[in-house]
Amino acid sequence: MSDMNYELQYSEARNKAIAHIGIAVSSSGKTREFLQLKGYDPTIVEDVITQLIEDGYVDDRRCALKILRVRSGAKAEGRAKLSMRLEEAGIDYHVIDEVLSDSAYADENTIMDVIFSRYPTESFSSDPSEAKRELAKAIRYLESRGYSSSLALSSFRKIIRDVQ
């Protein structure tokens, strides 16, 4: 590819990427995917991504933290599910490892946020058989959020011990 052709394609790809991103901040993966779908040469795509990162249009860490803010409290999810969600959003795996290494996203911490917001202590029946069904339902819900059943059960046991 000649220098002139490269410069033209680079400029066009960069402008299209910026127009696609708009006023938001995009992830490197989603921007890369967009440019690849437009048919740009892989070298140009990588060069544009590098420049957009330097210019602040592409910021995987900021995108990851935005997603994690939304997925907190009652909407919290297990670390493995969060990792998959971030990967689907086009966040670089190094950034995923970095942000999820924070203890605030440890399953043992985030599961308690979900439990306390979704299941107040008085929400379970005083009838033992009904309470057992409600607990099983709560554990299934927590499993759907990416938590293990053993962690869910041990978390409920801890809460019961703390209440007594």
C-alpha atoms as a PDB file:
ATOM      1  CA  MET A   1       0.000   0.000   0.000  1.00  0.00           C
ATOM      2  CA  SER A   2       1.449   3.354  -1.004  1.00  0.00           C
ATOM      3  CA  ASP A   3       1.951   6.089   1.591  1.00  0.00           C
ATOM      4  CA  MET A   4      -0.685   8.249  -0.110  1.00  0.00           C
ATOM      5  CA  ASN A   5      -3.241   5.421  -0.146  1.00  0.00           C
ATOM      6  CA  TYR A   6      -2.434   4.558   3.481  1.00  0.00           C
ATOM      7  CA  GLU A   7      -2.913   8.178   4.599  1.00  0.00           C
ATOM      8  CA  LEU A   8      -6.262   8.435   2.789  1.00  0.00           C
ATOM      9  CA  GLN A   9      -7.576   5.168   4.230  1.00  0.00           C
ATOM     10  CA  TYR A  10      -6.241   6.016   7.688  1.00  0.00           C
ATOM     11  CA  SER A  11      -7.920   9.429   7.657  1.00  0.00           C
ATOM     12  CA  GLU A  12     -11.202   8.002   6.388  1.00  0.00           C
ATOM     13  CA  ALA A  13     -11.167   5.166   8.957  1.00  0.00           C
ATOM     14  CA  ARG A  14     -10.372   7.562  11.809  1.00  0.00           C
ATOM     15  CA  ASN A  15     -13.163   9.945  10.814  1.00  0.00           C
ATOM     16  CA  LYS A  16     -15.682   7.113  10.491  1.00  0.00           C
ATOM     17  CA  ALA A  17     -14.666   5.732  13.891  1.00  0.00           C
ATOM     18  CA  ILE A  18     -15.029   9.133  15.564  1.00  0.00           C
ATOM     19  CA  ALA A  19     -18.431   9.671  13.933  1.00  0.00           C
ATOM     20  CA  HIS A  20     -19.467   6.188  15.096  1.00  0.00           C
ATOM     21  CA  ILE A  21     -18.324   6.829  18.665  1.00  0.00           C
ATOM     22  CA  GLY A  22     -19.989  10.250  18.826  1.00  0.00           C
ATOM     23  CA  ILE A  23     -19.816  11.968  22.211  1.00  0.00           C
ATOM     24  CA  ALA A  24     -19.512   8.685  24.099  1.00  0.00           C
ATOM     25  CA  VAL A  25     -16.334   6.811  24.887  1.00  0.00           C
ATOM     26  CA  SER A  26     -16.002   3.466  23.164  1.00  0.00           C
ATOM     27  CA  SER A  27     -14.086   0.280  23.867  1.00  0.00           C
ATOM     28  CA  SER A  28     -11.198  -0.785  21.679  1.00  0.00           C
ATOM     29  CA  GLY A  29     -12.941  -4.034  20.762  1.00  0.00           C
ATOM     30  CA  LYS A  30     -16.186  -2.431  19.608  1.00  0.00           C
ATOM     31  CA  THR A  31     -14.347   0.237  17.618  1.00  0.00           C
ATOM     32  CA  ARG A  32     -12.061  -2.402  16.075  1.00  0.00           C
ATOM     33  CA  GLU A  33     -15.097  -4.514  15.152  1.00  0.00           C
ATOM     34  CA  PHE A  34     -16.793  -1.485  13.563  1.00  0.00           C
ATOM     35  CA  LEU A  35     -13.756  -0.658  11.431  1.00  0.00           C
ATOM     36  CA  GLN A  36     -13.221  -4.287  10.432  1.00  0.00           C
ATOM     37  CA  LEU A  37     -16.847  -4.534   9.306  1.00  0.00           C
ATOM     38  CA  LYS A  38     -16.257  -1.448   7.168  1.00  0.00           C
ATOM     39  CA  GLY A  39     -13.488  -3.409   5.424  1.00  0.00           C
ATOM     40  CA  TYR A  40     -10.400  -1.460   6.474  1.00  0.00           C
ATOM     41  CA  ASP A  41      -6.966  -3.033   6.320  1.00  0.00           C
ATOM     42  CA  PRO A  42      -5.986  -4.599   9.694  1.00  0.00           C
ATOM     43  CA  THR A  43      -2.869  -2.407   9.921  1.00  0.00           C
ATOM     44  CA  ILE A  44      -4.942   0.740   9.463  1.00  0.00           C
ATOM     45  CA  VAL A  45      -7.487  -0.487  12.006  1.00  0.00           C
ATOM     46  CA  GLU A  46      -4.791  -1.036  14.644  1.00  0.00           C
ATOM     47  CA  ASP A  47      -3.122   2.310  13.902  1.00  0.00           C
ATOM     48  CA  VAL A  48      -6.469   4.127  14.179  1.00  0.00           C
ATOM     49  CA  ILE A  49      -7.292   2.339  17.451  1.00  0.00           C
ATOM     50  CA  THR A  50      -3.901   3.310  18.891  1.00  0.00           C
ATOM     51  CA  GLN A  51      -4.437   6.963  17.945  1.00  0.00           C
ATOM     52  CA  LEU A  52      -8.022   7.013  19.267  1.00  0.00           C
ATOM     53  CA  ILE A  53      -6.782   5.626  22.602  1.00  0.00           C
ATOM     54  CA  GLU A  54      -4.156   8.387  22.753  1.00  0.00           C
ATOM     55  CA  ASP A  55      -6.823  10.987  21.882  1.00  0.00           C
ATOM     56  CA  GLY A  56      -9.246   9.659  24.533  1.00  0.00           C
ATOM     57  CA  TYR A  57     -12.001   8.538  22.164  1.00  0.00           C
ATOM     58  CA  VAL A  58     -11.350   4.913  23.078  1.00  0.00           C
ATOM     59  CA  ASP A  59     -10.918   4.110  26.764  1.00  0.00           C
ATOM     60  CA  ASP A  60     -11.431   0.507  27.851  1.00  0.00           C
ATOM     61  CA  ARG A  61     -10.954   1.252  31.547  1.00  0.00           C
ATOM     62  CA  ARG A  62     -13.570   3.990  31.547  1.00  0.00           C
ATOM     63  CA  CYS A  63     -16.015   1.781  29.621  1.00  0.00           C
ATOM     64  CA  ALA A  64     -15.421  -1.089  32.046  1.00  0.00           C
ATOM     65  CA  LEU A  65     -15.995   1.088  35.101  1.00  0.00           C
ATOM     66  CA  LYS A  66     -19.219   2.439  33.585  1.00  0.00           C
ATOM     67  CA  ILE A  67     -20.522  -1.106  33.095  1.00  0.00           C
ATOM     68  CA  LEU A  68     -19.439  -2.091  36.612  1.00  0.00           C
ATOM     69  CA  ARG A  69     -21.256   0.920  38.113  1.00  0.00           C
ATOM     70  CA  VAL A  70     -24.470  -0.207  36.442  1.00  0.00           C
ATOM     71  CA  ARG A  71     -23.887  -3.770  37.650  1.00  0.00           C
ATOM     72  CA  SER A  72     -23.633  -2.925  41.349  1.00  0.00           C
ATOM     73  CA  GLY A  73     -25.952  -3.109  44.335  1.00  0.00           C
ATOM     74  CA  ALA A  74     -29.135  -5.016  43.541  1.00  0.00           C
ATOM     75  CA  LYS A  75     -27.896  -5.569  39.967  1.00  0.00           C
ATOM     76  CA  ALA A  76     -24.507  -6.974  41.018  1.00  0.00           C
ATOM     77  CA  GLU A  77     -23.190 -10.070  39.308  1.00  0.00           C
ATOM     78  CA  GLY A  78     -20.497 -12.619  40.017  1.00  0.00           C
ATOM     79  CA  ARG A  79     -16.973 -11.899  38.823  1.00  0.00           C
ATOM     80  CA  ALA A  80     -17.069 -14.534  36.051  1.00  0.00           C
ATOM     81  CA  LYS A  81     -20.328 -13.124  34.675  1.00  0.00           C
ATOM     82  CA  LEU A  82     -18.943  -9.580  34.887  1.00  0.00           C
ATOM     83  CA  SER A  83     -15.836 -10.696  33.034  1.00  0.00           C
ATOM     84  CA  MET A  84     -17.953 -12.152  30.222  1.00  0.00           C
ATOM     85  CA  ARG A  85     -20.063  -8.980  30.091  1.00  0.00           C
ATOM     86  CA  LEU A  86     -16.930  -6.802  29.806  1.00  0.00           C
ATOM     87  CA  GLU A  87     -15.456  -9.074  27.151  1.00  0.00           C
ATOM     88  CA  GLU A  88     -18.696  -8.827  25.140  1.00  0.00           C
ATOM     89  CA  ALA A  89     -18.425  -5.033  25.415  1.00  0.00           C
ATOM     90  CA  GLY A  90     -15.059  -5.171  23.653  1.00  0.00           C
ATOM     91  CA  ILE A  91     -12.922  -4.386  26.685  1.00  0.00           C
ATOM     92  CA  ASP A  92      -9.296  -5.559  26.441  1.00  0.00           C
ATOM     93  CA  TYR A  93      -8.653  -8.589  28.673  1.00  0.00           C
ATOM     94  CA  HIS A  94      -5.776  -6.830  30.477  1.00  0.00           C
ATOM     95  CA  VAL A  95      -8.183  -4.081  31.538  1.00  0.00           C
ATOM     96  CA  ILE A  96     -10.792  -6.676  32.575  1.00  0.00           C
ATOM     97  CA  ASP A  97      -8.231  -8.402  34.823  1.00  0.00           C
ATOM     98  CA  GLU A  98      -7.128  -5.060  36.259  1.00  0.00           C
ATOM     99  CA  VAL A  99     -10.567  -3.693  37.144  1.00  0.00           C
ATOM    100  CA  LEU A 100     -11.938  -6.994  38.453  1.00  0.00           C
ATOM    101  CA  SER A 101      -8.900  -7.511  40.692  1.00  0.00           C
ATOM    102  CA  ASP A 102     -10.361  -4.835  42.989  1.00  0.00           C
ATOM    103  CA  SER A 103     -11.760  -6.539  46.106  1.00  0.00           C
ATOM    104  CA  ALA A 104     -14.964  -4.518  45.680  1.00  0.00           C
ATOM    105  CA  TYR A 105     -15.850  -6.948  42.875  1.00  0.00           C
ATOM    106  CA  ALA A 106     -15.107 -10.111  44.858  1.00  0.00           C
ATOM    107  CA  ASP A 107     -18.111 -12.433  44.755  1.00  0.00           C
ATOM    108  CA  GLU A 108     -18.176 -12.600  48.552  1.00  0.00           C
ATOM    109  CA  ASN A 109     -18.751  -8.834  48.689  1.00  0.00           C
ATOM    110  CA  THR A 110     -21.079  -8.281  45.754  1.00  0.00           C
ATOM    111  CA  ILE A 111     -23.393 -11.162  46.637  1.00  0.00           C
ATOM    112  CA  MET A 112     -24.161  -9.460  49.942  1.00  0.00           C
ATOM    113  CA  ASP A 113     -25.256  -6.316  48.072  1.00  0.00           C
ATOM    114  CA  VAL A 114     -27.718  -8.380  46.039  1.00  0.00           C
ATOM    115  CA  ILE A 115     -29.007 -10.275  49.064  1.00  0.00           C
ATOM    116  CA  PHE A 116     -29.515  -7.199  51.246  1.00  0.00           C
ATOM    117  CA  SER A 117     -31.241  -5.225  48.508  1.00  0.00           C
ATOM    118  CA  ARG A 118     -33.411  -8.056  47.211  1.00  0.00           C
ATOM    119  CA  TYR A 119     -34.090 -10.121  50.341  1.00  0.00           C
ATOM    120  CA  PRO A 120     -34.697  -8.092  53.500  1.00  0.00           C
ATOM    121  CA  THR A 121     -34.476 -10.270  56.621  1.00  0.00           C
ATOM    122  CA  GLU A 122     -38.251 -10.204  57.092  1.00  0.00           C
ATOM    123  CA  SER A 123     -38.920 -11.359  53.521  1.00  0.00           C
ATOM    124  CA  PHE A 124     -38.762 -15.069  54.320  1.00  0.00           C
ATOM    125  CA  SER A 125     -41.731 -16.939  55.740  1.00  0.00           C
ATOM    126  CA  SER A 126     -41.742 -18.114  59.347  1.00  0.00           C
ATOM    127  CA  ASP A 127     -43.123 -21.460  58.120  1.00  0.00           C
ATOM    128  CA  PRO A 128     -40.019 -23.702  57.768  1.00  0.00           C
ATOM    129  CA  SER A 129     -41.176 -25.533  54.610  1.00  0.00           C
ATOM    130  CA  GLU A 130     -42.190 -22.264  52.903  1.00  0.00           C
ATOM    131  CA  ALA A 131     -38.927 -20.605  54.002  1.00  0.00           C
ATOM    132  CA  LYS A 132     -36.995 -23.526  52.501  1.00  0.00           C
ATOM    133  CA  ARG A 133     -38.788 -23.049  49.131  1.00  0.00           C
ATOM    134  CA  GLU A 134     -38.125 -19.295  49.256  1.00  0.00           C
ATOM    135  CA  LEU A 135     -34.449 -19.902  50.029  1.00  0.00           C
ATOM    136  CA  ALA A 136     -34.155 -22.367  47.112  1.00  0.00           C
ATOM    137  CA  LYS A 137     -35.722 -19.752  44.821  1.00  0.00           C
ATOM    138  CA  ALA A 138     -33.337 -17.072  46.118  1.00  0.00           C
ATOM    139  CA  ILE A 139     -30.347 -19.344  45.514  1.00  0.00           C
ATOM    140  CA  ARG A 140     -31.517 -20.043  41.934  1.00  0.00           C
ATOM    141  CA  TYR A 141     -31.795 -16.291  41.383  1.00  0.00           C
ATOM    142  CA  LEU A 142     -28.261 -15.730  42.689  1.00  0.00           C
ATOM    143  CA  GLU A 143     -26.974 -18.532  40.444  1.00  0.00           C
ATOM    144  CA  SER A 144     -28.538 -16.716  37.476  1.00  0.00           C
ATOM    145  CA  ARG A 145     -26.482 -13.662  38.498  1.00  0.00           C
ATOM    146  CA  GLY A 146     -23.291 -15.734  38.265  1.00  0.00           C
ATOM    147  CA  TYR A 147     -22.811 -16.772  41.888  1.00  0.00           C
ATOM    148  CA  SER A 148     -22.209 -20.359  42.982  1.00  0.00           C
ATOM    149  CA  SER A 149     -24.943 -22.099  44.968  1.00  0.00           C
ATOM    150  CA  SER A 150     -22.455 -22.851  47.759  1.00  0.00           C
ATOM    151  CA  LEU A 151     -21.533 -19.158  48.089  1.00  0.00           C
ATOM    152  CA  ALA A 152     -25.219 -18.192  48.047  1.00  0.00           C
ATOM    153  CA  LEU A 153     -26.086 -20.701  50.767  1.00  0.00           C
ATOM    154  CA  SER A 154     -23.098 -19.784  52.944  1.00  0.00           C
ATOM    155  CA  SER A 155     -23.959 -16.077  52.559  1.00  0.00           C
ATOM    156  CA  PHE A 156     -27.526 -16.657  53.744  1.00  0.00           C
ATOM    157  CA  ARG A 157     -26.195 -18.744  56.659  1.00  0.00           C
ATOM    158  CA  LYS A 158     -23.842 -15.917  57.632  1.00  0.00           C
ATOM    159  CA  ILE A 159     -26.729 -13.433  57.605  1.00  0.00           C
ATOM    160  CA  ILE A 160     -28.842 -15.734  59.770  1.00  0.00           C
ATOM    161  CA  ARG A 161     -25.966 -16.139  62.260  1.00  0.00           C
ATOM    162  CA  ASP A 162     -25.488 -12.345  62.345  1.00  0.00           C
ATOM    163  CA  VAL A 163     -29.229 -11.761  62.961  1.00  0.00           C
ATOM    164  CA  GLN A 164     -29.466 -14.290  65.792  1.00  0.00           C
END
